[in-house]
Amino acid sequence: MTSPHPRKRPQRRSETPRGPQQAAGLQEVRDALPPAPESRTVAPAPRPAGDGVPPELLALVTHHCRRINAYLARAQHLQTLHGDDMKQWQRLVLYALTDALAHNHLLVGTLAAHLQRQDLDADLLRRYLQSPDPDRYITREAVHHLDGLTGAVPEETPEPTWTGIGRRIARDGD
């Protein structure tokens, strides 16, 4: 039944694609990701697991999501600071966005490495990552980061940077 009264304001329509179109587009982006340089497959070393999520993984997600959100907010805020200077804006917005992307990639790779260590079925991991090649996310840095989170002793001297950061995240709960 239609109302006899016209709308006071026209209904807004989102320009952002939703539903199957957007999901298909994101899948194309995921499939186009290049393999990680020196990608890794982590050997299983399952730790006894309870029903809960290990606190170091919760801290890991919190740590990286905070940084990702800060970089994304900075990219948005740059329009008010440098909206009249294209060269400054493009340089700074791309720095912020690529920093967010790097944190996201490291986070996904670290979680994927953890799941491989827990001996998660490879097909299930591919499904979770929505990628035919889960190793594209698992870089040397992601493995170092996981080692720090789980308290592994690094074979390299000095200790890799991401191992130390992982230790701090696990210790502080972020």
C-alpha atoms as a PDB file:
ATOM      1  CA  MET A   1       0.000   0.000   0.000  1.00  0.00           C
ATOM      2  CA  THR A   2       1.470   3.343  -0.974  1.00  0.00           C
ATOM      3  CA  SER A   3       1.085   6.442   1.073  1.00  0.00           C
ATOM      4  CA  PRO A   4      -0.885   9.324  -0.416  1.00  0.00           C
ATOM      5  CA  HIS A   5       1.762  11.665   0.932  1.00  0.00           C
ATOM      6  CA  PRO A   6       5.008  12.115  -1.021  1.00  0.00           C
ATOM      7  CA  ARG A   7       8.281  11.615   0.796  1.00  0.00           C
ATOM      8  CA  LYS A   8       9.762  14.754   2.249  1.00  0.00           C
ATOM      9  CA  ARG A   9      13.264  13.627   1.355  1.00  0.00           C
ATOM     10  CA  PRO A  10      14.262  11.212  -1.357  1.00  0.00           C
ATOM     11  CA  GLN A  11      15.585   7.904  -0.105  1.00  0.00           C
ATOM     12  CA  ARG A  12      19.364   7.750  -0.176  1.00  0.00           C
ATOM     13  CA  ARG A  13      20.999   4.950  -2.055  1.00  0.00           C
ATOM     14  CA  SER A  14      24.471   3.784  -1.214  1.00  0.00           C
ATOM     15  CA  GLU A  15      27.090   3.957  -3.942  1.00  0.00           C
ATOM     16  CA  THR A  16      28.996   1.113  -2.303  1.00  0.00           C
ATOM     17  CA  PRO A  17      28.301  -2.229  -3.975  1.00  0.00           C
ATOM     18  CA  ARG A  18      26.870  -4.799  -1.587  1.00  0.00           C
ATOM     19  CA  GLY A  19      26.070  -8.468  -1.609  1.00  0.00           C
ATOM     20  CA  PRO A  20      27.380 -10.970  -4.164  1.00  0.00           C
ATOM     21  CA  GLN A  21      28.881  -8.306  -6.458  1.00  0.00           C
ATOM     22  CA  GLN A  22      31.093  -6.913  -3.713  1.00  0.00           C
ATOM     23  CA  ALA A  23      32.061 -10.364  -2.439  1.00  0.00           C
ATOM     24  CA  ALA A  24      33.034 -11.451  -5.960  1.00  0.00           C
ATOM     25  CA  GLY A  25      35.111  -8.304  -6.419  1.00  0.00           C
ATOM     26  CA  LEU A  26      36.911  -8.853  -3.122  1.00  0.00           C
ATOM     27  CA  GLN A  27      37.600 -12.458  -4.070  1.00  0.00           C
ATOM     28  CA  GLU A  28      39.218 -11.275  -7.309  1.00  0.00           C
ATOM     29  CA  VAL A  29      41.454  -8.963  -5.277  1.00  0.00           C
ATOM     30  CA  ARG A  30      42.385 -11.781  -2.896  1.00  0.00           C
ATOM     31  CA  ASP A  31      43.148 -14.162  -5.768  1.00  0.00           C
ATOM     32  CA  ALA A  32      45.382 -11.568  -7.412  1.00  0.00           C
ATOM     33  CA  LEU A  33      47.592 -11.169  -4.341  1.00  0.00           C
ATOM     34  CA  PRO A  34      51.095 -12.270  -5.231  1.00  0.00           C
ATOM     35  CA  PRO A  35      52.733 -15.037  -3.254  1.00  0.00           C
ATOM     36  CA  ALA A  36      54.621 -13.809  -0.236  1.00  0.00           C
ATOM     37  CA  PRO A  37      58.339 -13.438  -0.775  1.00  0.00           C
ATOM     38  CA  GLU A  38      59.932 -16.417   0.883  1.00  0.00           C
ATOM     39  CA  SER A  39      56.493 -17.722   1.858  1.00  0.00           C
ATOM     40  CA  ARG A  40      56.393 -20.359   4.509  1.00  0.00           C
ATOM     41  CA  THR A  41      54.437 -23.398   5.424  1.00  0.00           C
ATOM     42  CA  VAL A  42      54.655 -23.801   9.162  1.00  0.00           C
ATOM     43  CA  ALA A  43      55.242 -27.272  10.545  1.00  0.00           C
ATOM     44  CA  PRO A  44      52.560 -28.471  12.958  1.00  0.00           C
ATOM     45  CA  ALA A  45      53.402 -28.109  16.631  1.00  0.00           C
ATOM     46  CA  PRO A  46      50.012 -28.168  18.310  1.00  0.00           C
ATOM     47  CA  ARG A  47      49.791 -26.900  21.842  1.00  0.00           C
ATOM     48  CA  PRO A  48      47.151 -28.362  24.073  1.00  0.00           C
ATOM     49  CA  ALA A  49      44.151 -26.231  23.349  1.00  0.00           C
ATOM     50  CA  GLY A  50      41.136 -25.588  25.456  1.00  0.00           C
ATOM     51  CA  ASP A  51      37.864 -24.268  24.176  1.00  0.00           C
ATOM     52  CA  GLY A  52      38.888 -20.631  24.533  1.00  0.00           C
ATOM     53  CA  VAL A  53      40.919 -18.432  22.229  1.00  0.00           C
ATOM     54  CA  PRO A  54      44.493 -18.053  23.531  1.00  0.00           C
ATOM     55  CA  PRO A  55      44.888 -14.612  25.144  1.00  0.00           C
ATOM     56  CA  GLU A  56      47.960 -13.832  23.038  1.00  0.00           C
ATOM     57  CA  LEU A  57      45.867 -14.168  19.853  1.00  0.00           C
ATOM     58  CA  LEU A  58      43.212 -11.845  21.239  1.00  0.00           C
ATOM     59  CA  ALA A  59      45.953  -9.356  22.118  1.00  0.00           C
ATOM     60  CA  LEU A  60      47.439  -9.734  18.631  1.00  0.00           C
ATOM     61  CA  VAL A  61      44.146  -8.875  16.929  1.00  0.00           C
ATOM     62  CA  THR A  62      43.568  -5.939  19.285  1.00  0.00           C
ATOM     63  CA  HIS A  63      47.096  -4.602  18.727  1.00  0.00           C
ATOM     64  CA  HIS A  64      46.971  -4.679  14.948  1.00  0.00           C
ATOM     65  CA  CYS A  65      43.346  -3.539  14.633  1.00  0.00           C
ATOM     66  CA  ARG A  66      44.163  -0.467  16.715  1.00  0.00           C
ATOM     67  CA  ARG A  67      47.057   0.379  14.442  1.00  0.00           C
ATOM     68  CA  ILE A  68      45.084  -0.325  11.277  1.00  0.00           C
ATOM     69  CA  ASN A  69      42.239   1.877  12.475  1.00  0.00           C
ATOM     70  CA  ALA A  70      44.657   4.667  13.392  1.00  0.00           C
ATOM     71  CA  TYR A  71      46.214   4.614   9.914  1.00  0.00           C
ATOM     72  CA  LEU A  72      42.806   4.550   8.225  1.00  0.00           C
ATOM     73  CA  ALA A  73      41.595   7.441  10.373  1.00  0.00           C
ATOM     74  CA  ARG A  74      44.735   9.352   9.466  1.00  0.00           C
ATOM     75  CA  ALA A  75      44.108   8.751   5.759  1.00  0.00           C
ATOM     76  CA  GLN A  76      40.600  10.124   6.163  1.00  0.00           C
ATOM     77  CA  HIS A  77      41.730  13.103   8.228  1.00  0.00           C
ATOM     78  CA  LEU A  78      44.339  14.153   5.666  1.00  0.00           C
ATOM     79  CA  GLN A  79      41.642  15.650   3.464  1.00  0.00           C
ATOM     80  CA  THR A  80      41.070  18.348   6.071  1.00  0.00           C
ATOM     81  CA  LEU A  81      44.786  19.001   6.473  1.00  0.00           C
ATOM     82  CA  HIS A  82      45.953  18.809   2.859  1.00  0.00           C
ATOM     83  CA  GLY A  83      42.780  18.956   0.744  1.00  0.00           C
ATOM     84  CA  ASP A  84      44.168  21.896  -1.203  1.00  0.00           C
ATOM     85  CA  ASP A  85      47.607  20.379  -1.901  1.00  0.00           C
ATOM     86  CA  MET A  86      47.378  17.302  -4.142  1.00  0.00           C
ATOM     87  CA  LYS A  87      51.060  16.335  -3.908  1.00  0.00           C
ATOM     88  CA  GLN A  88      51.100  16.387  -0.100  1.00  0.00           C
ATOM     89  CA  TRP A  89      47.760  14.634   0.153  1.00  0.00           C
ATOM     90  CA  GLN A  90      48.593  11.806  -2.258  1.00  0.00           C
ATOM     91  CA  ARG A  91      51.941  11.155  -0.612  1.00  0.00           C
ATOM     92  CA  LEU A  92      50.600  11.116   2.928  1.00  0.00           C
ATOM     93  CA  VAL A  93      47.382   9.229   2.224  1.00  0.00           C
ATOM     94  CA  LEU A  94      49.262   6.461   0.447  1.00  0.00           C
ATOM     95  CA  TYR A  95      51.755   6.210   3.318  1.00  0.00           C
ATOM     96  CA  ALA A  96      48.874   5.812   5.771  1.00  0.00           C
ATOM     97  CA  LEU A  97      47.001   3.278   3.614  1.00  0.00           C
ATOM     98  CA  THR A  98      50.031   1.117   2.877  1.00  0.00           C
ATOM     99  CA  ASP A  99      50.947   1.113   6.578  1.00  0.00           C
ATOM    100  CA  ALA A 100      47.407  -0.110   7.362  1.00  0.00           C
ATOM    101  CA  LEU A 101      47.726  -2.752   4.655  1.00  0.00           C
ATOM    102  CA  ALA A 102      51.072  -3.964   6.026  1.00  0.00           C
ATOM    103  CA  HIS A 103      49.613  -4.383   9.519  1.00  0.00           C
ATOM    104  CA  ASN A 104      46.604  -6.223   8.094  1.00  0.00           C
ATOM    105  CA  HIS A 105      48.794  -8.552   6.038  1.00  0.00           C
ATOM    106  CA  LEU A 106      51.023  -9.293   9.044  1.00  0.00           C
ATOM    107  CA  LEU A 107      47.995  -9.959  11.248  1.00  0.00           C
ATOM    108  CA  VAL A 108      46.412 -12.363   8.745  1.00  0.00           C
ATOM    109  CA  GLY A 109      49.739 -14.109   8.154  1.00  0.00           C
ATOM    110  CA  THR A 110      50.422 -14.533  11.866  1.00  0.00           C
ATOM    111  CA  LEU A 111      46.975 -15.995  12.493  1.00  0.00           C
ATOM    112  CA  ALA A 112      47.318 -18.299   9.459  1.00  0.00           C
ATOM    113  CA  ALA A 113      50.718 -19.484  10.714  1.00  0.00           C
ATOM    114  CA  HIS A 114      49.191 -20.185  14.117  1.00  0.00           C
ATOM    115  CA  LEU A 115      46.421 -22.248  12.529  1.00  0.00           C
ATOM    116  CA  GLN A 116      48.977 -24.188  10.481  1.00  0.00           C
ATOM    117  CA  ARG A 117      50.926 -24.902  13.654  1.00  0.00           C
ATOM    118  CA  GLN A 118      47.728 -26.169  15.230  1.00  0.00           C
ATOM    119  CA  ASP A 119      47.504 -28.575  12.275  1.00  0.00           C
ATOM    120  CA  LEU A 120      44.269 -27.121  10.906  1.00  0.00           C
ATOM    121  CA  ASP A 121      43.159 -28.909   7.762  1.00  0.00           C
ATOM    122  CA  ALA A 122      44.726 -27.175   4.725  1.00  0.00           C
ATOM    123  CA  ASP A 123      41.406 -26.995   2.850  1.00  0.00           C
ATOM    124  CA  LEU A 124      39.746 -25.406   5.852  1.00  0.00           C
ATOM    125  CA  LEU A 125      42.544 -22.838   6.140  1.00  0.00           C
ATOM    126  CA  ARG A 126      42.175 -22.010   2.444  1.00  0.00           C
ATOM    127  CA  ARG A 127      38.454 -21.547   2.987  1.00  0.00           C
ATOM    128  CA  TYR A 128      38.995 -19.304   6.029  1.00  0.00           C
ATOM    129  CA  LEU A 129      41.528 -17.191   4.147  1.00  0.00           C
ATOM    130  CA  GLN A 130      39.335 -17.233   1.029  1.00  0.00           C
ATOM    131  CA  SER A 131      42.461 -17.971  -0.942  1.00  0.00           C
ATOM    132  CA  PRO A 132      43.712 -20.944  -2.947  1.00  0.00           C
ATOM    133  CA  ASP A 133      47.220 -20.278  -1.583  1.00  0.00           C
ATOM    134  CA  PRO A 134      47.390 -19.654   2.175  1.00  0.00           C
ATOM    135  CA  ASP A 135      51.174 -19.405   2.024  1.00  0.00           C
ATOM    136  CA  ARG A 136      50.842 -16.008   0.300  1.00  0.00           C
ATOM    137  CA  TYR A 137      50.092 -14.557   3.733  1.00  0.00           C
ATOM    138  CA  ILE A 138      52.613 -16.465   5.808  1.00  0.00           C
ATOM    139  CA  THR A 139      55.834 -14.511   5.510  1.00  0.00           C
ATOM    140  CA  ARG A 140      59.062 -14.817   7.461  1.00  0.00           C
ATOM    141  CA  GLU A 141      57.956 -11.779   9.497  1.00  0.00           C
ATOM    142  CA  ALA A 142      54.615 -13.427  10.335  1.00  0.00           C
ATOM    143  CA  VAL A 143      56.409 -16.554  11.580  1.00  0.00           C
ATOM    144  CA  HIS A 144      58.776 -14.395  13.668  1.00  0.00           C
ATOM    145  CA  HIS A 145      55.774 -12.529  15.059  1.00  0.00           C
ATOM    146  CA  LEU A 146      54.066 -15.812  15.994  1.00  0.00           C
ATOM    147  CA  ASP A 147      57.287 -17.056  17.619  1.00  0.00           C
ATOM    148  CA  GLY A 148      57.332 -13.966  19.814  1.00  0.00           C
ATOM    149  CA  LEU A 149      53.673 -14.393  20.752  1.00  0.00           C
ATOM    150  CA  THR A 150      54.149 -18.029  21.689  1.00  0.00           C
ATOM    151  CA  GLY A 151      57.470 -17.576  23.501  1.00  0.00           C
ATOM    152  CA  ALA A 152      59.576 -19.531  21.014  1.00  0.00           C
ATOM    153  CA  VAL A 153      63.321 -19.013  21.207  1.00  0.00           C
ATOM    154  CA  PRO A 154      64.582 -17.441  17.973  1.00  0.00           C
ATOM    155  CA  GLU A 155      67.380 -19.153  16.100  1.00  0.00           C
ATOM    156  CA  GLU A 156      68.668 -15.833  14.795  1.00  0.00           C
ATOM    157  CA  THR A 157      70.815 -13.338  16.636  1.00  0.00           C
ATOM    158  CA  PRO A 158      69.923 -10.631  17.250  1.00  0.00           C
ATOM    159  CA  GLU A 159      66.274 -11.451  17.822  1.00  0.00           C
ATOM    160  CA  PRO A 160      64.129 -10.431  14.826  1.00  0.00           C
ATOM    161  CA  THR A 161      62.119  -7.236  15.315  1.00  0.00           C
ATOM    162  CA  TRP A 162      58.713  -8.859  14.944  1.00  0.00           C
ATOM    163  CA  THR A 163      59.610 -11.557  17.464  1.00  0.00           C
ATOM    164  CA  GLY A 164      60.291  -8.862  20.059  1.00  0.00           C
ATOM    165  CA  ILE A 165      57.055  -7.076  19.210  1.00  0.00           C
ATOM    166  CA  GLY A 166      55.159 -10.372  19.495  1.00  0.00           C
ATOM    167  CA  ARG A 167      56.684 -10.954  22.941  1.00  0.00           C
ATOM    168  CA  ARG A 168      55.602  -7.485  24.053  1.00  0.00           C
ATOM    169  CA  ILE A 169      52.050  -8.021  22.763  1.00  0.00           C
ATOM    170  CA  ALA A 170      51.784 -11.366  24.594  1.00  0.00           C
ATOM    171  CA  ARG A 171      53.287  -9.912  27.775  1.00  0.00           C
ATOM    172  CA  ASP A 172      51.212  -6.734  27.891  1.00  0.00           C
ATOM    173  CA  GLY A 173      48.029  -8.144  26.397  1.00  0.00           C
ATOM    174  CA  ASP A 174      48.577  -5.187  24.080  1.00  0.00           C
END
